Protein backbone atom coordinates (compact mmCIF):
# COMPACT_ATOMS: atom_id res chain seq x y z
CA UNK A 1 -24.37 -10.68 0.69
CA UNK A 2 -21.96 -9.82 3.49
CA UNK A 3 -18.45 -8.96 2.62
CA UNK A 4 -17.25 -11.72 4.84
CA UNK A 5 -19.38 -14.30 2.97
CA UNK A 6 -18.23 -12.85 -0.34
CA UNK A 7 -14.59 -12.98 0.73
CA UNK A 8 -14.95 -16.73 1.84
CA UNK A 9 -16.44 -17.58 -1.53
CA UNK A 10 -13.66 -15.69 -3.38
CA UNK A 11 -11.12 -17.81 -1.41
CA UNK A 12 -12.91 -20.97 -2.34
CA UNK A 13 -12.62 -20.12 -5.98
CA UNK A 14 -8.87 -20.33 -5.53
CA UNK A 15 -8.15 -16.75 -4.55
CA UNK A 16 -4.57 -17.41 -4.57
CA UNK A 17 -4.04 -18.90 -8.03
CA UNK A 18 -3.48 -15.55 -9.73
CA UNK A 19 -5.52 -16.95 -12.72
CA UNK A 20 -9.08 -16.66 -11.32
CA UNK A 21 -10.00 -13.12 -12.57
CA UNK A 22 -10.03 -11.62 -15.96
CA UNK A 23 -8.26 -8.27 -16.67
CA UNK A 24 -10.50 -7.53 -19.61
CA UNK A 25 -13.53 -5.35 -19.71
CA UNK A 26 -14.40 -2.98 -16.83
CA UNK A 27 -15.33 -5.82 -14.28
CA UNK A 28 -13.60 -4.00 -11.37
CA UNK A 29 -14.89 -0.48 -12.13
CA UNK A 30 -15.17 1.74 -9.04
CA UNK A 31 -16.85 5.06 -8.48
CA UNK A 32 -15.05 8.51 -8.52
CA UNK A 33 -16.20 8.88 -4.98
CA UNK A 34 -14.49 5.39 -4.08
CA UNK A 35 -11.38 6.71 -5.73
CA UNK A 36 -11.40 9.93 -3.74
CA UNK A 37 -12.20 8.15 -0.57
CA UNK A 38 -9.06 6.01 -0.87
CA UNK A 39 -6.91 9.21 -1.50
CA UNK A 40 -8.62 10.90 1.43
CA UNK A 41 -7.59 7.76 3.66
CA UNK A 42 -3.94 8.07 2.62
CA UNK A 43 -4.03 11.80 3.36
CA UNK A 44 -5.56 11.33 6.86
CA UNK A 45 -3.41 8.28 8.10
CA UNK A 46 -0.23 8.76 5.93
CA UNK A 47 1.41 5.55 6.78
CA UNK A 48 1.06 2.12 5.19
CA UNK A 49 2.36 -1.17 6.70
CA UNK A 50 3.95 -3.18 3.77
CA UNK A 51 4.33 -6.87 4.71
CA UNK A 52 6.50 -9.55 3.02
CA UNK A 53 7.04 -12.77 4.87
CA UNK A 54 8.65 -15.99 3.73
CA UNK A 55 6.02 -18.18 5.14
CA UNK A 56 2.13 -18.11 4.95
CA UNK A 57 1.70 -18.82 8.64
CA UNK A 58 3.78 -15.57 9.76
CA UNK A 59 1.89 -13.32 7.55
CA UNK A 60 -1.56 -12.78 9.34
CA UNK A 61 0.20 -12.68 12.80
CA UNK A 62 2.72 -10.13 11.73
CA UNK A 63 -0.05 -7.91 9.98
CA UNK A 64 -2.24 -8.22 13.03
CA UNK A 65 0.61 -6.98 15.16
CA UNK A 66 1.01 -3.86 12.90
CA UNK A 67 -2.72 -3.17 13.06
CA UNK A 68 -2.74 -3.72 16.84
CA UNK A 69 0.02 -1.03 17.00
CA UNK A 70 -2.10 1.48 15.19
CA UNK A 71 -1.84 1.08 11.40
CA UNK A 72 -5.02 1.87 9.50
CA UNK A 73 -3.53 1.28 5.94
CA UNK A 74 -1.82 -2.10 5.10
CA UNK A 75 -0.45 -3.66 1.94
CA UNK A 76 0.01 -7.50 1.47
CA UNK A 77 2.63 -8.28 -1.26
CA UNK A 78 2.29 -11.04 -3.82
CA UNK A 79 5.80 -12.24 -2.82
CA UNK A 80 4.16 -13.60 0.43
CA UNK A 81 2.75 -17.17 0.19
CA UNK A 82 -1.06 -17.11 0.10
CA UNK A 83 -1.09 -13.48 -0.16
CA UNK A 84 -4.47 -13.07 -1.83
CA UNK A 85 -6.25 -15.36 0.85
CA UNK A 86 -4.77 -13.39 3.73
CA UNK A 87 -5.62 -10.06 1.95
CA UNK A 88 -9.23 -11.29 1.62
CA UNK A 89 -9.44 -12.41 5.15
CA UNK A 90 -8.21 -9.12 6.41
CA UNK A 91 -10.64 -7.20 4.08
CA UNK A 92 -13.45 -9.09 5.44
CA UNK A 93 -12.41 -8.68 9.16
CA UNK A 94 -11.62 -4.87 8.98
CA UNK A 95 -13.72 -3.49 6.20
CA UNK A 96 -14.33 0.16 6.67
CA UNK A 97 -11.87 0.36 9.56
CA UNK A 98 -8.42 -0.65 8.02
CA UNK A 99 -7.89 0.01 4.31
CA UNK A 100 -6.23 -3.07 2.64
CA UNK A 101 -4.25 -3.07 -0.55
CA UNK A 102 -2.05 -5.37 -2.53
CA UNK A 103 1.61 -4.79 -3.74
CA UNK A 104 4.18 -6.36 -6.03
CA UNK A 105 1.60 -5.98 -8.84
CA UNK A 106 3.30 -6.63 -12.12
CA UNK A 107 0.49 -6.96 -14.76
CA UNK A 108 -3.16 -5.92 -15.27
CA UNK A 109 -4.01 -9.69 -14.48
CA UNK A 110 -2.26 -9.32 -11.07
CA UNK A 111 -4.39 -6.27 -10.56
CA UNK A 112 -7.55 -7.96 -11.40
CA UNK A 113 -6.78 -10.88 -9.14
CA UNK A 114 -6.08 -8.54 -6.33
CA UNK A 115 -9.35 -6.69 -6.86
CA UNK A 116 -11.20 -9.93 -6.90
CA UNK A 117 -9.75 -10.77 -3.48
CA UNK A 118 -10.94 -7.31 -2.13
CA UNK A 119 -8.05 -5.07 -2.53
CA UNK A 120 -8.78 -1.30 -2.29
CA UNK A 121 -5.70 -0.02 -3.86
CA UNK A 122 -2.84 -1.29 -6.04
CA UNK A 123 0.87 -0.96 -5.57
CA UNK A 124 3.67 -1.68 -8.15
CA UNK A 125 7.40 -2.05 -7.61
CA UNK A 126 8.23 -0.32 -10.81
CA UNK A 127 6.62 2.22 -13.12
CA UNK A 128 4.23 0.01 -15.33
CA UNK A 129 2.14 2.12 -17.76
CA UNK A 130 -0.27 -0.87 -18.56
CA UNK A 131 -1.09 -1.46 -14.87
CA UNK A 132 -1.58 2.18 -14.14
CA UNK A 133 -3.77 2.75 -17.06
CA UNK A 134 -5.80 -0.33 -16.22
CA UNK A 135 -6.46 0.94 -12.76
CA UNK A 136 -7.10 4.59 -14.00
CA UNK A 137 -9.77 3.32 -16.32
CA UNK A 138 -11.54 1.64 -13.44
CA UNK A 139 -11.12 4.45 -10.96
CA UNK A 140 -8.67 2.41 -8.79
CA UNK A 141 -5.91 4.00 -6.96
CA UNK A 142 -2.53 2.78 -8.23
CA UNK A 143 0.78 3.71 -6.53
CA UNK A 144 3.65 2.80 -8.88
CA UNK A 145 7.18 2.54 -7.74
CA UNK A 146 9.45 5.27 -9.26
CA UNK A 147 13.06 6.26 -8.59
CA UNK A 148 13.50 9.35 -10.50
CA UNK A 149 11.41 12.55 -10.84
CA UNK A 150 11.05 11.64 -14.61
CA UNK A 151 9.51 8.48 -13.70
CA UNK A 152 7.25 9.96 -11.15
CA UNK A 153 5.97 12.53 -13.68
CA UNK A 154 5.39 9.88 -16.11
CA UNK A 155 3.45 7.99 -13.70
CA UNK A 156 1.33 10.98 -12.89
CA UNK A 157 0.69 11.53 -16.67
CA UNK A 158 -0.50 7.93 -17.05
CA UNK A 159 -2.95 8.24 -14.22
CA UNK A 160 -1.22 7.43 -10.87
CA UNK A 161 -2.37 10.02 -8.29
CA UNK A 162 0.48 8.85 -5.71
CA UNK A 163 4.02 7.86 -6.62
CA UNK A 164 5.97 5.47 -4.60
CA UNK A 165 9.65 6.33 -4.15
CA UNK A 166 11.35 3.03 -4.52
CA UNK A 167 14.21 2.01 -4.05
CA UNK A 168 15.39 4.64 -1.61
CA UNK A 169 17.55 7.57 -2.84
CA UNK A 170 20.51 9.43 -1.26
CA UNK A 171 19.43 12.27 0.75
CA UNK A 172 16.13 10.88 1.85
CA UNK A 173 13.77 13.53 3.17
CA UNK A 174 15.82 16.39 1.49
CA UNK A 175 15.36 14.67 -1.85
CA UNK A 176 11.72 14.53 -1.31
CA UNK A 177 11.66 18.11 -0.22
CA UNK A 178 13.61 19.20 -3.41
CA UNK A 179 11.42 17.14 -5.78
CA UNK A 180 8.14 18.18 -4.24
CA UNK A 181 9.02 21.75 -4.27
CA UNK A 182 9.85 21.73 -8.00
CA UNK A 183 7.04 19.33 -8.94
CA UNK A 184 4.23 20.16 -6.49
CA UNK A 185 1.54 18.30 -8.30
CA UNK A 186 3.21 15.11 -7.31
CA UNK A 187 2.16 13.08 -4.15
CA UNK A 188 5.33 11.19 -3.24
CA UNK A 189 5.16 8.09 -1.05
CA UNK A 190 8.74 6.94 0.15
CA UNK A 191 8.99 3.36 1.21
CA UNK A 192 12.66 2.09 1.22
CA UNK A 193 14.79 4.32 3.49
CA UNK A 194 11.92 4.97 5.79
CA UNK A 195 12.37 3.87 9.39
CA UNK A 196 10.90 3.98 12.80
CA UNK A 197 12.61 7.40 13.63
CA UNK A 198 12.82 9.34 10.32
CA UNK A 199 9.14 8.78 9.19
CA UNK A 200 8.27 12.27 10.62
CA UNK A 201 11.16 13.98 8.62
CA UNK A 202 9.87 12.58 5.41
CA UNK A 203 6.20 13.85 6.03
CA UNK A 204 7.57 17.29 7.20
CA UNK A 205 9.71 17.67 4.13
CA UNK A 206 7.01 17.01 1.41
CA UNK A 207 6.18 13.23 1.49
CA UNK A 208 2.45 12.85 1.01
CA UNK A 209 2.52 9.50 2.95
CA UNK A 210 5.12 6.76 3.62
CA UNK A 211 5.40 3.01 3.53
CA UNK A 212 7.11 1.00 6.32
CA UNK A 213 8.67 -2.32 5.30
CA UNK A 214 11.63 -3.89 6.93
CA UNK A 215 12.15 -1.31 9.83
CA UNK A 216 8.43 -2.21 10.91
CA UNK A 217 8.39 -5.96 10.15
CA UNK A 218 11.64 -6.98 11.85
CA UNK A 219 12.28 -10.32 10.17
CA UNK A 220 14.34 -11.66 13.08
CA UNK A 221 11.44 -10.85 15.35
CA UNK A 222 8.97 -12.51 13.05
CA UNK A 223 11.23 -15.71 12.92
CA UNK A 224 11.22 -16.15 16.70
CA UNK A 225 7.48 -15.41 16.94
CA UNK A 226 7.95 -12.07 18.76
CA UNK A 227 5.02 -10.18 17.31
CA UNK A 228 4.92 -7.86 20.29
CA UNK A 229 8.06 -6.17 18.84
CA UNK A 230 6.21 -5.55 15.58
CA UNK A 231 3.23 -3.98 17.54
CA UNK A 232 5.69 -1.68 19.47
CA UNK A 233 7.48 -0.86 16.21
CA UNK A 234 4.04 0.15 14.70
CA UNK A 235 2.96 2.18 17.63
CA UNK A 236 6.23 4.22 17.43
CA UNK A 237 5.61 4.92 13.77
CA UNK A 238 2.03 5.89 14.31
CA UNK A 239 2.92 8.24 17.13
CA UNK A 240 5.44 9.88 14.93
CA UNK A 241 2.94 10.22 12.15
CA UNK A 242 0.34 11.66 14.27
CA UNK A 243 2.79 14.32 15.63
CA UNK A 244 3.00 15.70 12.01
CA UNK A 245 -0.84 15.27 11.52
CA UNK A 246 -2.89 14.70 8.28
CA UNK A 247 -2.04 16.08 4.85
CA UNK A 248 -4.17 18.71 3.21
CA UNK A 249 -4.83 17.16 -0.11
CA UNK A 250 -4.11 19.04 -3.44
CA UNK A 251 -7.35 19.15 -5.37
């Protein structure tokens, strides 16, 4: 069965109801090779487009613009209307080319629903041990939100191979440099505070990868249907990322 057909059937089963899947058992088990390939992709491309839109209609247009601008890792967030259907559509369209994940995951059930829709990785806004462990037990990459070094270490110990720095912290790149030097086993993924111009600073100072949210997806541009601006923002980010180059993973 093709992924496109599978995705359409998943949508037909009410992919956006958030109650369609079961979080029990190991229904969404991935292989170790799959787990490692997701981490390899983060190390190679190093930038994720994180989208929140107030309307369902704007979502695919905005994400398409980010991909057109060069993003190869994208995250749909559950705060966006019809998030899982859009995720499923993009996974079917770009499978093997663009890596598609789901964010604002708060429970193992949310994670199960996202995996059912085709998500390749899971992002949480805060450090949630139950979600991290659910993913760990299934070889699913989980990137939990953390704001302190203590939260990052705890996330790592629970099984999160990447740790999202959220919200932003004073000092930005220099904070990342200090923490990654003291705790070199961490793989810090800053999101809040990363913009079109400082993305390279974060990567040069110890960030394993970065997430781009509001600076990439200019809400005023989206509201007026100016998706060319989103594509131009994306191209600027990707150019800065490529200037730094891929990450040599810690294995």
